[in-house]
Each structure stands twice: as structure tokens, then as C-alpha cells.
PDB file of N, CA and C in Angstrom:
ATOM      1  N   MET A   1     -33.469 -25.775 133.475  1.00  0.00           N
ATOM      2  CA  MET A   1     -32.091 -25.962 133.032  1.00  0.00           C
ATOM      3  C   MET A   1     -31.159 -25.635 134.207  1.00  0.00           C
ATOM      4  N   ASP A   2     -30.307 -26.575 134.552  1.00  0.00           N
ATOM      5  CA  ASP A   2     -29.405 -26.323 135.677  1.00  0.00           C
ATOM      6  C   ASP A   2     -28.124 -25.639 135.204  1.00  0.00           C
ATOM      7  N   LEU A   3     -27.291 -25.321 136.158  1.00  0.00           N
ATOM      8  CA  LEU A   3     -26.083 -24.548 135.860  1.00  0.00           C
ATOM      9  C   LEU A   3     -25.154 -25.290 134.899  1.00  0.00           C
ATOM     10  N   ASP A   4     -24.997 -26.598 135.093  1.00  0.00           N
ATOM     11  CA  ASP A   4     -24.128 -27.381 134.213  1.00  0.00           C
ATOM     12  C   ASP A   4     -24.599 -27.310 132.768  1.00  0.00           C
ATOM     13  N   GLU A   5     -25.893 -27.433 132.562  1.00  0.00           N
ATOM     14  CA  GLU A   5     -26.434 -27.370 131.196  1.00  0.00           C
ATOM     15  C   GLU A   5     -26.209 -25.990 130.588  1.00  0.00           C
ATOM     16  N   LEU A   6     -26.391 -24.976 131.412  1.00  0.00           N
ATOM     17  CA  LEU A   6     -26.194 -23.608 130.938  1.00  0.00           C
ATOM     18  C   LEU A   6     -24.740 -23.384 130.516  1.00  0.00           C
ATOM     19  N   VAL A   7     -23.805 -23.825 131.366  1.00  0.00           N
ATOM     20  CA  VAL A   7     -22.382 -23.663 131.073  1.00  0.00           C
ATOM     21  C   VAL A   7     -22.019 -24.449 129.814  1.00  0.00           C
ATOM     22  N   GLU A   8     -22.522 -25.671 129.716  1.00  0.00           N
ATOM     23  CA  GLU A   8     -22.238 -26.502 128.547  1.00  0.00           C
ATOM     24  C   GLU A   8     -22.744 -25.853 127.272  1.00  0.00           C
ATOM     25  N   ARG A   9     -23.931 -25.268 127.339  1.00  0.00           N
ATOM     26  CA  ARG A   9     -24.500 -24.612 126.160  1.00  0.00           C
ATOM     27  C   ARG A   9     -23.672 -23.393 125.756  1.00  0.00           C
ATOM     28  N   ARG A  10     -23.245 -22.601 126.753  1.00  0.00           N
ATOM     29  CA  ARG A  10     -22.419 -21.421 126.451  1.00  0.00           C
ATOM     30  C   ARG A  10     -21.084 -21.832 125.841  1.00  0.00           C
ATOM     31  N   ILE A  11     -20.486 -22.893 126.367  1.00  0.00           N
ATOM     32  CA  ILE A  11     -19.210 -23.367 125.823  1.00  0.00           C
ATOM     33  C   ILE A  11     -19.397 -23.820 124.383  1.00  0.00           C
ATOM     34  N   ARG A  12     -20.470 -24.566 124.125  1.00  0.00           N
ATOM     35  CA  ARG A  12     -20.736 -25.020 122.750  1.00  0.00           C
ATOM     36  C   ARG A  12     -20.913 -23.841 121.813  1.00  0.00           C
ATOM     37  N   GLN A  13     -21.654 -22.822 122.257  1.00  0.00           N
ATOM     38  CA  GLN A  13     -21.867 -21.639 121.421  1.00  0.00           C
ATOM     39  C   GLN A  13     -20.548 -20.938 121.134  1.00  0.00           C
ATOM     40  N   ARG A  14     -19.690 -20.856 122.138  1.00  0.00           N
ATOM     41  CA  ARG A  14     -18.394 -20.186 121.967  1.00  0.00           C
ATOM     42  C   ARG A  14     -17.503 -20.967 121.004  1.00  0.00           C
ATOM     43  N   VAL A  15     -17.506 -22.289 121.151  1.00  0.00           N
ATOM     44  CA  VAL A  15     -16.714 -23.130 120.253  1.00  0.00           C
ATOM     45  C   VAL A  15     -17.182 -22.959 118.815  1.00  0.00           C
ATOM     46  N   GLU A  16     -18.499 -22.946 118.611  1.00  0.00           N
ATOM     47  CA  GLU A  16     -19.044 -22.750 117.263  1.00  0.00           C
ATOM     48  C   GLU A  16     -18.639 -21.384 116.717  1.00  0.00           C
ATOM     49  N   GLN A  17     -18.675 -20.370 117.573  1.00  0.00           N
ATOM     50  CA  GLN A  17     -18.285 -19.028 117.146  1.00  0.00           C
ATOM     51  C   GLN A  17     -16.812 -19.010 116.730  1.00  0.00           C
ATOM     52  N   LEU A  18     -15.965 -19.653 117.521  1.00  0.00           N
ATOM     53  CA  LEU A  18     -14.540 -19.689 117.207  1.00  0.00           C
ATOM     54  C   LEU A  18     -14.274 -20.479 115.933  1.00  0.00           C
ATOM     55  N   GLU A  19     -15.032 -21.547 115.723  1.00  0.00           N
ATOM     56  CA  GLU A  19     -14.871 -22.321 114.487  1.00  0.00           C
ATOM     57  C   GLU A  19     -15.234 -21.484 113.271  1.00  0.00           C
ATOM     58  N   ARG A  20     -16.303 -20.682 113.381  1.00  0.00           N
ATOM     59  CA  ARG A  20     -16.679 -19.802 112.272  1.00  0.00           C
ATOM     60  C   ARG A  20     -15.602 -18.753 112.026  1.00  0.00           C
ATOM     61  N   LEU A  21     -15.056 -18.196 113.099  1.00  0.00           N
ATOM     62  CA  LEU A  21     -13.982 -17.211 112.944  1.00  0.00           C
ATOM     63  C   LEU A  21     -12.779 -17.828 112.259  1.00  0.00           C
ATOM     64  N   ARG A  22     -12.458 -19.065 112.619  1.00  0.00           N
ATOM     65  CA  ARG A  22     -11.310 -19.728 112.001  1.00  0.00           C
ATOM     66  C   ARG A  22     -11.567 -19.962 110.511  1.00  0.00           C
ATOM     67  N   GLU A  23     -12.780 -20.379 110.179  1.00  0.00           N
ATOM     68  CA  GLU A  23     -13.116 -20.575 108.763  1.00  0.00           C
ATOM     69  C   GLU A  23     -12.988 -19.259 108.003  1.00  0.00           C
ATOM     70  N   ASP A  24     -13.483 -18.173 108.600  1.00  0.00           N
ATOM     71  CA  ASP A  24     -13.366 -16.857 107.956  1.00  0.00           C
ATOM     72  C   ASP A  24     -11.911 -16.470 107.770  1.00  0.00           C
ATOM     73  N   ALA A  25     -11.090 -16.723 108.796  1.00  0.00           N
ATOM     74  CA  ALA A  25      -9.668 -16.383 108.717  1.00  0.00           C
ATOM     75  C   ALA A  25      -8.972 -17.221 107.642  1.00  0.00           C
ATOM     76  N   ASP A  26      -9.337 -18.503 107.550  1.00  0.00           N
ATOM     77  CA  ASP A  26      -8.752 -19.361 106.520  1.00  0.00           C
ATOM     78  C   ASP A  26      -9.095 -18.848 105.128  1.00  0.00           C
ATOM     79  N   LEU A  27     -10.345 -18.438 104.938  1.00  0.00           N
ATOM     80  CA  LEU A  27     -10.750 -17.892 103.642  1.00  0.00           C
ATOM     81  C   LEU A  27     -10.007 -16.593 103.338  1.00  0.00           C
ATOM     82  N   GLU A  28      -9.876 -15.744 104.329  1.00  0.00           N
ATOM     83  CA  GLU A  28      -9.169 -14.483 104.145  1.00  0.00           C
ATOM     84  C   GLU A  28      -7.705 -14.731 103.783  1.00  0.00           C
ATOM     85  N   LEU A  29      -7.083 -15.683 104.454  1.00  0.00           N
ATOM     86  CA  LEU A  29      -5.695 -16.022 104.163  1.00  0.00           C
ATOM     87  C   LEU A  29      -5.549 -16.547 102.732  1.00  0.00           C
ATOM     88  N   GLU A  30      -6.466 -17.386 102.318  1.00  0.00           N
ATOM     89  CA  GLU A  30      -6.433 -17.912 100.952  1.00  0.00           C
ATOM     90  C   GLU A  30      -6.598 -16.781  99.941  1.00  0.00           C
ATOM     91  N   ASN A  31      -7.497 -15.837 100.217  1.00  0.00           N
ATOM     92  CA  ASN A  31      -7.668 -14.684  99.328  1.00  0.00           C
ATOM     93  C   ASN A  31      -6.401 -13.851  99.243  1.00  0.00           C
ATOM     94  N   LEU A  32      -5.754 -13.642 100.387  1.00  0.00           N
ATOM     95  CA  LEU A  32      -4.504 -12.885 100.379  1.00  0.00           C
ATOM     96  C   LEU A  32      -3.438 -13.597  99.562  1.00  0.00           C
ATOM     97  N   ARG A  33      -3.344 -14.900  99.731  1.00  0.00           N
ATOM     98  CA  ARG A  33      -2.354 -15.671  98.957  1.00  0.00           C
ATOM     99  C   ARG A  33      -2.617 -15.533  97.463  1.00  0.00           C
ATOM    100  N   GLU A  34      -3.883 -15.641  97.071  1.00  0.00           N
ATOM    101  CA  GLU A  34      -4.236 -15.517  95.653  1.00  0.00           C
ATOM    102  C   GLU A  34      -3.898 -14.128  95.126  1.00  0.00           C
ATOM    103  N   ASN A  35      -4.162 -13.112  95.941  1.00  0.00           N
ATOM    104  CA  ASN A  35      -3.876 -11.737  95.517  1.00  0.00           C
ATOM    105  C   ASN A  35      -2.387 -11.460  95.428  1.00  0.00           C
ATOM    106  N   LEU A  36      -1.599 -12.142  96.241  1.00  0.00           N
ATOM    107  CA  LEU A  36      -0.153 -11.911  96.240  1.00  0.00           C
ATOM    108  C   LEU A  36       0.570 -12.674  95.137  1.00  0.00           C
ATOM    109  N   LYS A  37      -0.031 -13.742  94.637  1.00  0.00           N
ATOM    110  CA  LYS A  37       0.640 -14.565  93.617  1.00  0.00           C
ATOM    111  C   LYS A  37       1.146 -13.746  92.432  1.00  0.00           C
ATOM    112  N   PRO A  38       0.319 -12.893  91.835  1.00  0.00           N
ATOM    113  CA  PRO A  38       0.811 -12.116  90.681  1.00  0.00           C
ATOM    114  C   PRO A  38       1.970 -11.189  91.072  1.00  0.00           C
ATOM    115  N   LEU A  39       1.907 -10.615  92.268  1.00  0.00           N
ATOM    116  CA  LEU A  39       2.976  -9.713  92.694  1.00  0.00           C
ATOM    117  C   LEU A  39       4.280 -10.474  92.882  1.00  0.00           C
ATOM    118  N   ILE A  40       4.187 -11.640  93.492  1.00  0.00           N
ATOM    119  CA  ILE A  40       5.382 -12.437  93.738  1.00  0.00           C
ATOM    120  C   ILE A  40       5.993 -12.918  92.422  1.00  0.00           C
ATOM    121  N   SER A  41       5.156 -13.417  91.519  1.00  0.00           N
ATOM    122  CA  SER A  41       5.687 -13.908  90.244  1.00  0.00           C
ATOM    123  C   SER A  41       6.234 -12.747  89.411  1.00  0.00           C
ATOM    124  N   HIS A  42       5.630 -11.574  89.527  1.00  0.00           N
ATOM    125  CA  HIS A  42       6.117 -10.404  88.797  1.00  0.00           C
ATOM    126  C   HIS A  42       7.494  -9.979  89.314  1.00  0.00           C
ATOM    127  N   ASP A  43       7.676 -10.017  90.629  1.00  0.00           N
ATOM    128  CA  ASP A  43       8.968  -9.645  91.214  1.00  0.00           C
ATOM    129  C   ASP A  43      10.064 -10.607  90.766  1.00  0.00           C
ATOM    130  N   ARG A  44       9.732 -11.883  90.666  1.00  0.00           N
ATOM    131  CA  ARG A  44      10.726 -12.895  90.281  1.00  0.00           C
ATOM    132  C   ARG A  44      11.057 -12.826  88.797  1.00  0.00           C
ATOM    133  N   GLY A  45      10.083 -12.351  88.000  1.00  0.00           N
ATOM    134  CA  GLY A  45      10.252 -12.340  86.561  1.00  0.00           C
ATOM    135  C   GLY A  45      11.289 -11.355  86.129  1.00  0.00           C
TER     136      GLY A  45
END
């Protein structure tokens, strides 16, 4: 495996890692929104 292949593989691994982190963050944000809905509607009521 030459240097270019090694670099390409590391970049791909990093991109995949970042994509997983983004998916986790999106899920966390959705959970926070769901948890805040009752509080927000209660304040408005």
C-alpha cells in the first residue's frame, strides 16, 4: 500500500467518523426538541 492509498483510507475513515458524529448530534437535537415541547407549550398555556 503506497502513501496515497494510506492517506485516502485515513480520510475515508475520518469522514465516516464525522458522519456518525453528525447523525448522533442530529438524534440528540431531536431528543432535546421533543423534551422541550411540553415545557414550551406549558409556558404558553
